[in-house]
């Protein structure tokens, strides 16, 4: 598994998705493919919404997320989301 795949699994779990495998591909329990949070804004935006509105968590990482959103920088936004979820897991 690549680092990106592991990060996408972590994000999916944060979004309350259980990830399973058939030995070749990764799916959630509805057999939908593992979302490509690192590639698609449509997949990443619900995660950002949950982080910003439901976690009530403020720090400099929010600034990175906002900057990434305002400037259309998906990689920066994705990295900030991963960092914030890791921080929340260790809370």
PDB file of N, CA and C in Angstrom:
ATOM      1  N   UNK A   1       0.837  -1.179   0.000  1.00  0.00           N
ATOM      2  CA  UNK A   1       0.000   0.000   0.000  1.00  0.00           C
ATOM      3  C   UNK A   1       0.886   1.248   0.000  1.00  0.00           C
ATOM      4  N   UNK A   2       0.478   2.237  -0.767  1.00  0.00           N
ATOM      5  CA  UNK A   2       1.250   3.480  -0.819  1.00  0.00           C
ATOM      6  C   UNK A   2       0.869   4.398   0.337  1.00  0.00           C
ATOM      7  N   UNK A   3       1.699   5.391   0.574  1.00  0.00           N
ATOM      8  CA  UNK A   3       1.406   6.370   1.610  1.00  0.00           C
ATOM      9  C   UNK A   3       0.101   7.106   1.339  1.00  0.00           C
ATOM     10  N   UNK A   4      -0.151   7.411   0.057  1.00  0.00           N
ATOM     11  CA  UNK A   4      -1.388   8.094  -0.307  1.00  0.00           C
ATOM     12  C   UNK A   4      -2.593   7.206  -0.030  1.00  0.00           C
ATOM     13  N   UNK A   5      -2.487   5.926  -0.339  1.00  0.00           N
ATOM     14  CA  UNK A   5      -3.591   5.006  -0.063  1.00  0.00           C
ATOM     15  C   UNK A   5      -3.866   4.942   1.430  1.00  0.00           C
ATOM     16  N   UNK A   6      -2.812   4.867   2.225  1.00  0.00           N
ATOM     17  CA  UNK A   6      -2.994   4.826   3.682  1.00  0.00           C
ATOM     18  C   UNK A   6      -3.648   6.103   4.191  1.00  0.00           C
ATOM     19  N   UNK A   7      -3.265   7.243   3.636  1.00  0.00           N
ATOM     20  CA  UNK A   7      -3.881   8.514   4.030  1.00  0.00           C
ATOM     21  C   UNK A   7      -5.350   8.538   3.626  1.00  0.00           C
ATOM     22  N   UNK A   8      -5.657   8.043   2.422  1.00  0.00           N
ATOM     23  CA  UNK A   8      -7.047   8.013   1.977  1.00  0.00           C
ATOM     24  C   UNK A   8      -7.889   7.077   2.838  1.00  0.00           C
ATOM     25  N   UNK A   9      -7.308   5.976   3.291  1.00  0.00           N
ATOM     26  CA  UNK A   9      -8.007   5.072   4.206  1.00  0.00           C
ATOM     27  C   UNK A   9      -8.281   5.787   5.527  1.00  0.00           C
ATOM     28  N   UNK A  10      -7.292   6.508   6.032  1.00  0.00           N
ATOM     29  CA  UNK A  10      -7.461   7.245   7.283  1.00  0.00           C
ATOM     30  C   UNK A  10      -8.595   8.273   7.157  1.00  0.00           C
ATOM     31  N   UNK A  11      -8.630   8.983   6.031  1.00  0.00           N
ATOM     32  CA  UNK A  11      -9.686   9.969   5.813  1.00  0.00           C
ATOM     33  C   UNK A  11     -11.044   9.264   5.716  1.00  0.00           C
ATOM     34  N   UNK A  12     -11.096   8.157   4.985  1.00  0.00           N
ATOM     35  CA  UNK A  12     -12.351   7.409   4.852  1.00  0.00           C
ATOM     36  C   UNK A  12     -12.852   6.952   6.226  1.00  0.00           C
ATOM     37  N   UNK A  13     -11.954   6.482   7.057  1.00  0.00           N
ATOM     38  CA  UNK A  13     -12.338   6.059   8.407  1.00  0.00           C
ATOM     39  C   UNK A  13     -12.839   7.245   9.226  1.00  0.00           C
ATOM     40  N   UNK A  14     -12.210   8.404   9.064  1.00  0.00           N
ATOM     41  CA  UNK A  14     -12.690   9.616   9.730  1.00  0.00           C
ATOM     42  C   UNK A  14     -14.130   9.922   9.283  1.00  0.00           C
ATOM     43  N   UNK A  15     -14.420   9.634   8.030  1.00  0.00           N
ATOM     44  CA  UNK A  15     -15.757   9.867   7.482  1.00  0.00           C
ATOM     45  C   UNK A  15     -16.711   8.698   7.781  1.00  0.00           C
ATOM     46  N   UNK A  16     -16.308   7.845   8.715  1.00  0.00           N
ATOM     47  CA  UNK A  16     -17.121   6.710   9.185  1.00  0.00           C
ATOM     48  C   UNK A  16     -17.370   5.646   8.125  1.00  0.00           C
ATOM     49  N   UNK A  17     -16.407   5.468   7.242  1.00  0.00           N
ATOM     50  CA  UNK A  17     -16.485   4.396   6.251  1.00  0.00           C
ATOM     51  C   UNK A  17     -15.588   3.253   6.698  1.00  0.00           C
ATOM     52  N   UNK A  18     -16.100   2.060   6.642  1.00  0.00           N
ATOM     53  CA  UNK A  18     -15.290   0.883   6.924  1.00  0.00           C
ATOM     54  C   UNK A  18     -14.715   0.408   5.593  1.00  0.00           C
ATOM     55  N   UNK A  19     -13.418   0.223   5.538  1.00  0.00           N
ATOM     56  CA  UNK A  19     -12.743  -0.151   4.296  1.00  0.00           C
ATOM     57  C   UNK A  19     -12.447  -1.648   4.307  1.00  0.00           C
ATOM     58  N   UNK A  20     -12.803  -2.310   3.204  1.00  0.00           N
ATOM     59  CA  UNK A  20     -12.557  -3.743   3.037  1.00  0.00           C
ATOM     60  C   UNK A  20     -11.799  -3.957   1.728  1.00  0.00           C
ATOM     61  N   UNK A  21     -11.287  -5.163   1.547  1.00  0.00           N
ATOM     62  CA  UNK A  21     -10.568  -5.467   0.310  1.00  0.00           C
ATOM     63  C   UNK A  21     -10.971  -6.840  -0.207  1.00  0.00           C
ATOM     64  N   UNK A  22     -10.851  -6.981  -1.514  1.00  0.00           N
ATOM     65  CA  UNK A  22     -11.050  -8.282  -2.145  1.00  0.00           C
ATOM     66  C   UNK A  22      -9.700  -8.898  -2.482  1.00  0.00           C
ATOM     67  N   UNK A  23      -8.641  -8.322  -1.958  1.00  0.00           N
ATOM     68  CA  UNK A  23      -7.285  -8.776  -2.240  1.00  0.00           C
ATOM     69  C   UNK A  23      -6.632  -8.005  -3.373  1.00  0.00           C
ATOM     70  N   UNK A  24      -7.451  -7.264  -4.120  1.00  0.00           N
ATOM     71  CA  UNK A  24      -6.933  -6.485  -5.241  1.00  0.00           C
ATOM     72  C   UNK A  24      -7.234  -4.998  -5.057  1.00  0.00           C
ATOM     73  N   UNK A  25      -8.485  -4.699  -4.754  1.00  0.00           N
ATOM     74  CA  UNK A  25      -8.938  -3.313  -4.624  1.00  0.00           C
ATOM     75  C   UNK A  25      -9.483  -3.053  -3.230  1.00  0.00           C
ATOM     76  N   UNK A  26      -9.625  -1.775  -2.911  1.00  0.00           N
ATOM     77  CA  UNK A  26     -10.192  -1.357  -1.628  1.00  0.00           C
ATOM     78  C   UNK A  26     -11.572  -0.762  -1.850  1.00  0.00           C
ATOM     79  N   UNK A  27     -12.509  -1.124  -0.969  1.00  0.00           N
ATOM     80  CA  UNK A  27     -13.899  -0.681  -1.070  1.00  0.00           C
ATOM     81  C   UNK A  27     -14.410  -0.316   0.311  1.00  0.00           C
ATOM     82  N   UNK A  28     -15.545   0.402   0.326  1.00  0.00           N
ATOM     83  CA  UNK A  28     -16.249   0.535   1.591  1.00  0.00           C
ATOM     84  C   UNK A  28     -17.269  -0.602   1.660  1.00  0.00           C
ATOM     85  N   UNK A  29     -18.029  -0.670   2.722  1.00  0.00           N
ATOM     86  CA  UNK A  29     -18.937  -1.804   2.909  1.00  0.00           C
ATOM     87  C   UNK A  29     -20.114  -1.794   1.931  1.00  0.00           C
ATOM     88  N   UNK A  30     -20.301  -0.685   1.201  1.00  0.00           N
ATOM     89  CA  UNK A  30     -21.311  -0.631   0.132  1.00  0.00           C
ATOM     90  C   UNK A  30     -20.691  -0.996  -1.218  1.00  0.00           C
ATOM     91  N   UNK A  31     -19.454  -1.464  -1.181  1.00  0.00           N
ATOM     92  CA  UNK A  31     -18.677  -1.842  -2.365  1.00  0.00           C
ATOM     93  C   UNK A  31     -18.421  -0.676  -3.315  1.00  0.00           C
ATOM     94  N   UNK A  32     -18.374   0.526  -2.760  1.00  0.00           N
ATOM     95  CA  UNK A  32     -17.950   1.688  -3.534  1.00  0.00           C
ATOM     96  C   UNK A  32     -16.424   1.771  -3.395  1.00  0.00           C
ATOM     97  N   UNK A  33     -15.716   2.094  -4.471  1.00  0.00           N
ATOM     98  CA  UNK A  33     -14.249   2.178  -4.391  1.00  0.00           C
ATOM     99  C   UNK A  33     -13.805   3.200  -3.352  1.00  0.00           C
ATOM    100  N   UNK A  34     -12.613   2.971  -2.799  1.00  0.00           N
ATOM    101  CA  UNK A  34     -12.025   3.915  -1.855  1.00  0.00           C
ATOM    102  C   UNK A  34     -11.966   5.286  -2.519  1.00  0.00           C
ATOM    103  N   UNK A  35     -12.544   6.309  -1.870  1.00  0.00           N
ATOM    104  CA  UNK A  35     -12.503   7.651  -2.470  1.00  0.00           C
ATOM    105  C   UNK A  35     -11.072   8.120  -2.703  1.00  0.00           C
ATOM    106  N   UNK A  36     -10.894   8.876  -3.762  1.00  0.00           N
ATOM    107  CA  UNK A  36      -9.575   9.429  -4.103  1.00  0.00           C
ATOM    108  C   UNK A  36      -9.519  10.874  -3.613  1.00  0.00           C
ATOM    109  N   UNK A  37      -9.421  10.997  -2.293  1.00  0.00           N
ATOM    110  CA  UNK A  37      -9.404  12.320  -1.679  1.00  0.00           C
ATOM    111  C   UNK A  37      -8.258  13.168  -2.184  1.00  0.00           C
ATOM    112  N   UNK A  38      -7.165  12.527  -2.558  1.00  0.00           N
ATOM    113  CA  UNK A  38      -5.976  13.238  -3.027  1.00  0.00           C
ATOM    114  C   UNK A  38      -6.107  13.731  -4.466  1.00  0.00           C
ATOM    115  N   UNK A  39      -7.118  13.251  -5.192  1.00  0.00           N
ATOM    116  CA  UNK A  39      -7.243  13.589  -6.612  1.00  0.00           C
ATOM    117  C   UNK A  39      -8.481  14.411  -6.948  1.00  0.00           C
ATOM    118  N   UNK A  40      -9.536  14.288  -6.155  1.00  0.00           N
ATOM    119  CA  UNK A  40     -10.812  14.892  -6.539  1.00  0.00           C
ATOM    120  C   UNK A  40     -11.348  15.841  -5.466  1.00  0.00           C
ATOM    121  N   UNK A  41     -11.588  17.087  -5.875  1.00  0.00           N
ATOM    122  CA  UNK A  41     -12.197  18.046  -4.951  1.00  0.00           C
ATOM    123  C   UNK A  41     -13.541  17.532  -4.452  1.00  0.00           C
ATOM    124  N   UNK A  42     -14.314  16.879  -5.337  1.00  0.00           N
ATOM    125  CA  UNK A  42     -15.645  16.381  -4.956  1.00  0.00           C
ATOM    126  C   UNK A  42     -15.583  15.391  -3.807  1.00  0.00           C
ATOM    127  N   UNK A  43     -14.505  14.657  -3.705  1.00  0.00           N
ATOM    128  CA  UNK A  43     -14.330  13.704  -2.608  1.00  0.00           C
ATOM    129  C   UNK A  43     -13.824  14.414  -1.344  1.00  0.00           C
ATOM    130  N   UNK A  44     -12.972  15.422  -1.529  1.00  0.00           N
ATOM    131  CA  UNK A  44     -12.334  16.096  -0.405  1.00  0.00           C
ATOM    132  C   UNK A  44     -13.250  17.101   0.300  1.00  0.00           C
ATOM    133  N   UNK A  45     -14.139  17.750  -0.435  1.00  0.00           N
ATOM    134  CA  UNK A  45     -14.950  18.819   0.142  1.00  0.00           C
ATOM    135  C   UNK A  45     -15.844  18.363   1.307  1.00  0.00           C
ATOM    136  N   UNK A  46     -16.506  17.205   1.252  1.00  0.00           N
ATOM    137  CA  UNK A  46     -17.293  16.788   2.422  1.00  0.00           C
ATOM    138  C   UNK A  46     -16.442  16.579   3.677  1.00  0.00           C
ATOM    139  N   UNK A  47     -15.199  16.183   3.491  1.00  0.00           N
ATOM    140  CA  UNK A  47     -14.281  16.005   4.620  1.00  0.00           C
ATOM    141  C   UNK A  47     -13.971  17.367   5.235  1.00  0.00           C
ATOM    142  N   UNK A  48     -13.688  18.334   4.386  1.00  0.00           N
ATOM    143  CA  UNK A  48     -13.403  19.687   4.866  1.00  0.00           C
ATOM    144  C   UNK A  48     -14.622  20.246   5.597  1.00  0.00           C
ATOM    145  N   UNK A  49     -15.780  20.030   5.049  1.00  0.00           N
ATOM    146  CA  UNK A  49     -17.015  20.493   5.699  1.00  0.00           C
ATOM    147  C   UNK A  49     -17.141  19.887   7.099  1.00  0.00           C
ATOM    148  N   UNK A  50     -16.924  18.595   7.202  1.00  0.00           N
ATOM    149  CA  UNK A  50     -17.023  17.944   8.513  1.00  0.00           C
ATOM    150  C   UNK A  50     -15.975  18.495   9.474  1.00  0.00           C
ATOM    151  N   UNK A  51     -14.761  18.656   9.003  1.00  0.00           N
ATOM    152  CA  UNK A  51     -13.692  19.183   9.866  1.00  0.00           C
ATOM    153  C   UNK A  51     -14.006  20.598  10.342  1.00  0.00           C
ATOM    154  N   UNK A  52     -14.438  21.440   9.432  1.00  0.00           N
ATOM    155  CA  UNK A  52     -14.625  22.845   9.768  1.00  0.00           C
ATOM    156  C   UNK A  52     -15.874  23.090  10.610  1.00  0.00           C
ATOM    157  N   UNK A  53     -16.926  22.325  10.412  1.00  0.00           N
ATOM    158  CA  UNK A  53     -18.191  22.639  11.069  1.00  0.00           C
ATOM    159  C   UNK A  53     -18.526  21.739  12.245  1.00  0.00           C
ATOM    160  N   UNK A  54     -17.931  20.565  12.308  1.00  0.00           N
ATOM    161  CA  UNK A  54     -18.316  19.644  13.372  1.00  0.00           C
ATOM    162  C   UNK A  54     -17.234  19.392  14.409  1.00  0.00           C
ATOM    163  N   UNK A  55     -16.000  19.700  14.107  1.00  0.00           N
ATOM    164  CA  UNK A  55     -14.926  19.408  15.051  1.00  0.00           C
ATOM    165  C   UNK A  55     -14.683  20.556  16.033  1.00  0.00           C
ATOM    166  N   UNK A  56     -15.097  21.777  15.639  1.00  0.00           N
ATOM    167  CA  UNK A  56     -14.905  22.929  16.519  1.00  0.00           C
ATOM    168  C   UNK A  56     -13.450  22.993  17.001  1.00  0.00           C
ATOM    169  N   UNK A  57     -12.540  22.903  16.072  1.00  0.00           N
ATOM    170  CA  UNK A  57     -11.118  22.785  16.353  1.00  0.00           C
ATOM    171  C   UNK A  57     -10.395  23.888  15.599  1.00  0.00           C
ATOM    172  N   UNK A  58      -9.745  24.772  16.292  1.00  0.00           N
ATOM    173  CA  UNK A  58      -9.073  25.897  15.644  1.00  0.00           C
ATOM    174  C   UNK A  58      -7.569  25.840  15.874  1.00  0.00           C
ATOM    175  N   UNK A  59      -6.818  25.941  14.832  1.00  0.00           N
ATOM    176  CA  UNK A  59      -5.375  26.156  14.918  1.00  0.00           C
ATOM    177  C   UNK A  59      -4.844  26.528  13.545  1.00  0.00           C
ATOM    178  N   UNK A  60      -3.541  26.577  13.410  1.00  0.00           N
ATOM    179  CA  UNK A  60      -2.931  27.035  12.156  1.00  0.00           C
ATOM    180  C   UNK A  60      -3.240  26.120  10.980  1.00  0.00           C
ATOM    181  N   UNK A  61      -3.627  24.885  11.229  1.00  0.00           N
ATOM    182  CA  UNK A  61      -3.934  23.962  10.128  1.00  0.00           C
ATOM    183  C   UNK A  61      -5.165  24.448   9.358  1.00  0.00           C
ATOM    184  N   UNK A  62      -6.119  25.064  10.071  1.00  0.00           N
ATOM    185  CA  UNK A  62      -7.269  25.636   9.374  1.00  0.00           C
ATOM    186  C   UNK A  62      -6.840  26.701   8.382  1.00  0.00           C
ATOM    187  N   UNK A  63      -5.835  27.458   8.744  1.00  0.00           N
ATOM    188  CA  UNK A  63      -5.311  28.472   7.838  1.00  0.00           C
ATOM    189  C   UNK A  63      -4.766  27.820   6.566  1.00  0.00           C
ATOM    190  N   UNK A  64      -4.069  26.699   6.716  1.00  0.00           N
ATOM    191  CA  UNK A  64      -3.551  25.971   5.549  1.00  0.00           C
ATOM    192  C   UNK A  64      -4.686  25.455   4.676  1.00  0.00           C
ATOM    193  N   UNK A  65      -5.742  24.949   5.314  1.00  0.00           N
ATOM    194  CA  UNK A  65      -6.902  24.465   4.550  1.00  0.00           C
ATOM    195  C   UNK A  65      -7.539  25.627   3.804  1.00  0.00           C
ATOM    196  N   UNK A  66      -7.779  26.737   4.508  1.00  0.00           N
ATOM    197  CA  UNK A  66      -8.399  27.898   3.861  1.00  0.00           C
ATOM    198  C   UNK A  66      -7.552  28.450   2.727  1.00  0.00           C
ATOM    199  N   UNK A  67      -6.246  28.563   2.947  1.00  0.00           N
ATOM    200  CA  UNK A  67      -5.356  29.052   1.886  1.00  0.00           C
ATOM    201  C   UNK A  67      -5.409  28.134   0.669  1.00  0.00           C
ATOM    202  N   UNK A  68      -5.385  26.842   0.919  1.00  0.00           N
ATOM    203  CA  UNK A  68      -5.462  25.893  -0.182  1.00  0.00           C
ATOM    204  C   UNK A  68      -6.764  26.017  -0.954  1.00  0.00           C
ATOM    205  N   UNK A  69      -7.867  26.187  -0.222  1.00  0.00           N
ATOM    206  CA  UNK A  69      -9.168  26.344  -0.876  1.00  0.00           C
ATOM    207  C   UNK A  69      -9.230  27.633  -1.688  1.00  0.00           C
ATOM    208  N   UNK A  70      -8.799  28.732  -1.084  1.00  0.00           N
ATOM    209  CA  UNK A  70      -8.878  30.030  -1.762  1.00  0.00           C
ATOM    210  C   UNK A  70      -8.009  30.098  -3.006  1.00  0.00           C
ATOM    211  N   UNK A  71      -6.900  29.361  -2.994  1.00  0.00           N
ATOM    212  CA  UNK A  71      -5.970  29.407  -4.123  1.00  0.00           C
ATOM    213  C   UNK A  71      -6.079  28.195  -5.043  1.00  0.00           C
ATOM    214  N   UNK A  72      -7.051  27.326  -4.782  1.00  0.00           N
ATOM    215  CA  UNK A  72      -7.242  26.154  -5.648  1.00  0.00           C
ATOM    216  C   UNK A  72      -6.089  25.174  -5.592  1.00  0.00           C
ATOM    217  N   UNK A  73      -5.439  25.067  -4.441  1.00  0.00           N
ATOM    218  CA  UNK A  73      -4.282  24.181  -4.287  1.00  0.00           C
ATOM    219  C   UNK A  73      -4.718  22.880  -3.611  1.00  0.00           C
ATOM    220  N   UNK A  74      -5.111  21.922  -4.420  1.00  0.00           N
ATOM    221  CA  UNK A  74      -5.645  20.668  -3.882  1.00  0.00           C
ATOM    222  C   UNK A  74      -4.622  19.920  -3.028  1.00  0.00           C
ATOM    223  N   UNK A  75      -3.375  19.865  -3.461  1.00  0.00           N
ATOM    224  CA  UNK A  75      -2.366  19.123  -2.697  1.00  0.00           C
ATOM    225  C   UNK A  75      -2.141  19.732  -1.322  1.00  0.00           C
ATOM    226  N   UNK A  76      -2.052  21.067  -1.251  1.00  0.00           N
ATOM    227  CA  UNK A  76      -1.875  21.737   0.037  1.00  0.00           C
ATOM    228  C   UNK A  76      -3.084  21.479   0.932  1.00  0.00           C
ATOM    229  N   UNK A  77      -4.262  21.570   0.361  1.00  0.00           N
ATOM    230  CA  UNK A  77      -5.490  21.347   1.129  1.00  0.00           C
ATOM    231  C   UNK A  77      -5.545  19.918   1.634  1.00  0.00           C
ATOM    232  N   UNK A  78      -5.244  18.963   0.767  1.00  0.00           N
ATOM    233  CA  UNK A  78      -5.240  17.543   1.129  1.00  0.00           C
ATOM    234  C   UNK A  78      -4.246  17.283   2.262  1.00  0.00           C
ATOM    235  N   UNK A  79      -3.038  17.809   2.130  1.00  0.00           N
ATOM    236  CA  UNK A  79      -2.017  17.606   3.171  1.00  0.00           C
ATOM    237  C   UNK A  79      -2.465  18.194   4.507  1.00  0.00           C
ATOM    238  N   UNK A  80      -3.099  19.362   4.471  1.00  0.00           N
ATOM    239  CA  UNK A  80      -3.583  19.977   5.708  1.00  0.00           C
ATOM    240  C   UNK A  80      -4.705  19.155   6.329  1.00  0.00           C
ATOM    241  N   UNK A  81      -5.585  18.610   5.505  1.00  0.00           N
ATOM    242  CA  UNK A  81      -6.663  17.740   5.999  1.00  0.00           C
ATOM    243  C   UNK A  81      -6.070  16.508   6.678  1.00  0.00           C
ATOM    244  N   UNK A  82      -5.097  15.883   6.043  1.00  0.00           N
ATOM    245  CA  UNK A  82      -4.442  14.704   6.627  1.00  0.00           C
ATOM    246  C   UNK A  82      -3.798  15.063   7.968  1.00  0.00           C
ATOM    247  N   UNK A  83      -3.100  16.183   8.018  1.00  0.00           N
ATOM    248  CA  UNK A  83      -2.450  16.616   9.253  1.00  0.00           C
ATOM    249  C   UNK A  83      -3.468  16.843  10.368  1.00  0.00           C
ATOM    250  N   UNK A  84      -4.574  17.491  10.038  1.00  0.00           N
ATOM    251  CA  UNK A  84      -5.592  17.769  11.052  1.00  0.00           C
ATOM    252  C   UNK A  84      -6.254  16.487  11.548  1.00  0.00           C
ATOM    253  N   UNK A  85      -6.546  15.556  10.650  1.00  0.00           N
ATOM    254  CA  UNK A  85      -7.159  14.292  11.077  1.00  0.00           C
ATOM    255  C   UNK A  85      -6.195  13.516  11.977  1.00  0.00           C
ATOM    256  N   UNK A  86      -4.919  13.503  11.633  1.00  0.00           N
ATOM    257  CA  UNK A  86      -3.927  12.842  12.500  1.00  0.00           C
ATOM    258  C   UNK A  86      -3.913  13.481  13.885  1.00  0.00           C
ATOM    259  N   UNK A  87      -3.977  14.811  13.916  1.00  0.00           N
ATOM    260  CA  UNK A  87      -3.976  15.535  15.175  1.00  0.00           C
ATOM    261  C   UNK A  87      -5.228  15.185  16.004  1.00  0.00           C
ATOM    262  N   UNK A  88      -6.364  15.103  15.348  1.00  0.00           N
ATOM    263  CA  UNK A  88      -7.605  14.761  16.035  1.00  0.00           C
ATOM    264  C   UNK A  88      -7.566  13.329  16.576  1.00  0.00           C
ATOM    265  N   UNK A  89      -6.950  12.430  15.822  1.00  0.00           N
ATOM    266  CA  UNK A  89      -6.846  11.033  16.278  1.00  0.00           C
ATOM    267  C   UNK A  89      -5.994  10.922  17.535  1.00  0.00           C
ATOM    268  N   UNK A  90      -5.012  11.810  17.686  1.00  0.00           N
ATOM    269  CA  UNK A  90      -4.115  11.771  18.828  1.00  0.00           C
ATOM    270  C   UNK A  90      -4.598  12.602  20.006  1.00  0.00           C
ATOM    271  N   UNK A  91      -5.749  13.192  19.851  1.00  0.00           N
ATOM    272  CA  UNK A  91      -6.318  14.056  20.886  1.00  0.00           C
ATOM    273  C   UNK A  91      -6.726  13.261  22.103  1.00  0.00           C
TER     274      UNK A  91
END
